């Protein structure tokens, strides 16, 4: 029988996702990752079944590893130009 993750474990996973999202140099990908993280955690917040919560948590951990690998790949091929959203107005 699967054990549901504790609140601390879920918050730790959430923070890890947000930290990983900040590593993307591209604004659009960074914001997509952040937005997708918040939406997924809100969606799974109401899971009452321990098995479903454990499955969602395990899937989240797998997705975090994918996001970390993608952040490394994106950093290798990052462009030097910034997004218009990141440029300082003078």
Protein backbone atom coordinates (compact mmCIF):
# COMPACT_ATOMS: atom_id res chain seq x y z
CA UNK A 1 0.00 0.00 0.00
CA UNK A 2 1.33 3.41 -0.97
CA UNK A 3 1.93 6.08 1.65
CA UNK A 4 0.84 9.62 0.84
CA UNK A 5 3.66 12.19 0.96
CA UNK A 6 3.76 14.51 3.92
CA UNK A 7 3.09 18.22 3.57
CA UNK A 8 6.81 18.93 4.06
CA UNK A 9 7.75 16.54 1.26
CA UNK A 10 5.22 18.11 -1.09
CA UNK A 11 6.44 21.64 -0.27
CA UNK A 12 10.02 20.54 -0.78
CA UNK A 13 9.14 19.16 -4.22
CA UNK A 14 7.29 22.39 -5.05
CA UNK A 15 10.27 24.54 -4.04
CA UNK A 16 12.62 22.33 -6.02
CA UNK A 17 10.49 22.83 -9.12
CA UNK A 18 10.53 26.59 -8.66
CA UNK A 19 14.31 26.60 -8.15
CA UNK A 20 14.75 24.53 -11.29
CA UNK A 21 12.46 26.87 -13.23
CA UNK A 22 14.70 29.81 -12.29
CA UNK A 23 17.66 28.05 -13.93
CA UNK A 24 16.20 28.37 -17.43
CA UNK A 25 17.75 31.31 -19.25
CA UNK A 26 14.86 31.67 -21.70
CA UNK A 27 12.04 33.76 -20.25
CA UNK A 28 9.25 31.84 -21.98
CA UNK A 29 10.45 28.44 -20.81
CA UNK A 30 11.15 29.72 -17.32
CA UNK A 31 7.65 31.16 -16.98
CA UNK A 32 6.02 28.10 -18.55
CA UNK A 33 7.80 25.82 -16.07
CA UNK A 34 6.81 28.03 -13.14
CA UNK A 35 3.19 28.31 -14.29
CA UNK A 36 2.92 24.57 -14.99
CA UNK A 37 4.31 23.81 -11.54
CA UNK A 38 1.81 26.03 -9.75
CA UNK A 39 -1.09 24.67 -11.82
CA UNK A 40 -0.13 21.02 -11.24
CA UNK A 41 0.20 21.48 -7.49
CA UNK A 42 -3.12 23.29 -7.29
CA UNK A 43 -4.75 20.53 -9.32
CA UNK A 44 -3.32 17.78 -7.11
CA UNK A 45 -3.97 19.59 -3.84
CA UNK A 46 -7.41 17.99 -3.51
CA UNK A 47 -6.22 14.40 -3.86
CA UNK A 48 -7.61 12.58 -0.86
CA UNK A 49 -6.69 9.04 -1.82
CA UNK A 50 -3.28 8.01 -0.48
CA UNK A 51 -2.55 5.91 -3.55
CA UNK A 52 -3.38 8.74 -5.96
CA UNK A 53 -1.36 11.23 -3.91
CA UNK A 54 1.64 8.88 -3.82
CA UNK A 55 1.40 8.33 -7.57
CA UNK A 56 1.20 12.08 -8.23
CA UNK A 57 4.18 12.66 -5.95
CA UNK A 58 6.25 9.97 -7.69
CA UNK A 59 5.32 11.43 -11.09
CA UNK A 60 6.31 14.87 -9.83
CA UNK A 61 9.72 13.62 -8.77
CA UNK A 62 10.25 12.10 -12.22
CA UNK A 63 9.18 15.35 -13.88
CA UNK A 64 11.58 17.28 -11.66
CA UNK A 65 14.48 15.16 -12.88
CA UNK A 66 13.43 15.81 -16.47
CA UNK A 67 13.22 19.55 -15.81
CA UNK A 68 16.68 19.56 -14.22
CA UNK A 69 18.17 17.80 -17.25
CA UNK A 70 16.41 20.21 -19.59
CA UNK A 71 17.75 23.20 -17.65
CA UNK A 72 21.28 21.91 -18.17
CA UNK A 73 20.70 21.36 -21.89
CA UNK A 74 19.14 24.81 -22.31
CA UNK A 75 22.06 26.41 -20.47
CA UNK A 76 24.51 24.81 -22.90
CA UNK A 77 22.76 26.34 -25.91
CA UNK A 78 21.54 29.60 -24.38
CA UNK A 79 21.51 32.67 -26.56
CA UNK A 80 23.27 35.83 -25.47
CA UNK A 81 20.31 38.09 -26.28
CA UNK A 82 17.77 38.65 -23.54
CA UNK A 83 14.04 38.55 -23.93
CA UNK A 84 12.23 41.86 -24.28
CA UNK A 85 10.67 41.08 -20.89
CA UNK A 86 14.13 41.07 -19.27
CA UNK A 87 15.67 44.12 -20.94
CA UNK A 88 16.21 47.22 -18.83
CA UNK A 89 14.63 50.36 -20.15
CA UNK A 90 17.00 53.31 -20.30
